[in-house]
Amino acid sequence: MAKNNGKTVIPLEKVRRDFFSYLTLPKFSSQAWVRRDRYPLGAN
């Protein structure tokens, strides 16, 4: 959270760019969608 100034909601593109830059946004978002039960992304 320190990397994002304590924000509780971080845009998916920023997470991808900071931690998963080797993935394209469509690929990352599809993988994040599959894992949404373990890692909540926004409102469910």
Protein backbone atom coordinates (compact mmCIF):
# COMPACT_ATOMS: atom_id res chain seq x y z
CA MET A 1 0.00 0.00 0.00
CA ALA A 2 2.90 2.37 0.55
CA LYS A 3 3.65 2.17 -3.15
CA ASN A 4 0.16 3.56 -3.88
CA ASN A 5 -0.04 6.21 -1.16
CA GLY A 6 -2.35 4.13 1.01
CA LYS A 7 -5.15 3.86 -1.56
CA THR A 8 -7.51 0.97 -0.95
CA VAL A 9 -8.67 0.71 -4.57
CA ILE A 10 -5.93 0.45 -7.18
CA PRO A 11 -6.70 0.38 -10.90
CA LEU A 12 -6.05 -2.96 -12.55
CA GLU A 13 -3.75 -1.36 -15.15
CA LYS A 14 -1.55 0.06 -12.38
CA VAL A 15 -1.27 -3.31 -10.62
CA ARG A 16 -0.38 -4.94 -13.92
CA ARG A 17 2.20 -2.30 -14.77
CA ASP A 18 3.83 -2.41 -11.31
CA PHE A 19 3.91 -6.17 -10.73
CA PHE A 20 3.03 -8.06 -13.92
CA SER A 21 4.49 -5.99 -16.76
CA TYR A 22 5.31 -9.15 -18.70
CA LEU A 23 1.55 -9.71 -19.24
CA THR A 24 -0.69 -7.74 -21.57
CA LEU A 25 -3.65 -6.02 -19.93
CA PRO A 26 -6.20 -8.38 -21.59
CA LYS A 27 -4.26 -11.46 -20.44
CA PHE A 28 -3.81 -10.10 -16.91
CA SER A 29 -7.44 -9.04 -16.57
CA SER A 30 -8.67 -12.44 -17.76
CA GLN A 31 -6.45 -14.17 -15.19
CA ALA A 32 -7.55 -11.73 -12.49
CA TRP A 33 -11.20 -12.42 -13.38
CA VAL A 34 -10.65 -16.18 -12.95
CA ARG A 35 -9.09 -15.56 -9.52
CA ARG A 36 -11.63 -12.96 -8.36
CA ASP A 37 -12.88 -15.17 -5.52
CA ARG A 38 -9.45 -15.28 -3.89
CA TYR A 39 -8.44 -11.68 -4.72
CA PRO A 40 -11.46 -9.35 -4.83
CA LEU A 41 -11.23 -6.74 -7.57
CA GLY A 42 -13.59 -3.85 -6.88
CA ALA A 43 -17.26 -4.49 -6.24
CA ASN A 44 -18.39 -8.10 -6.69
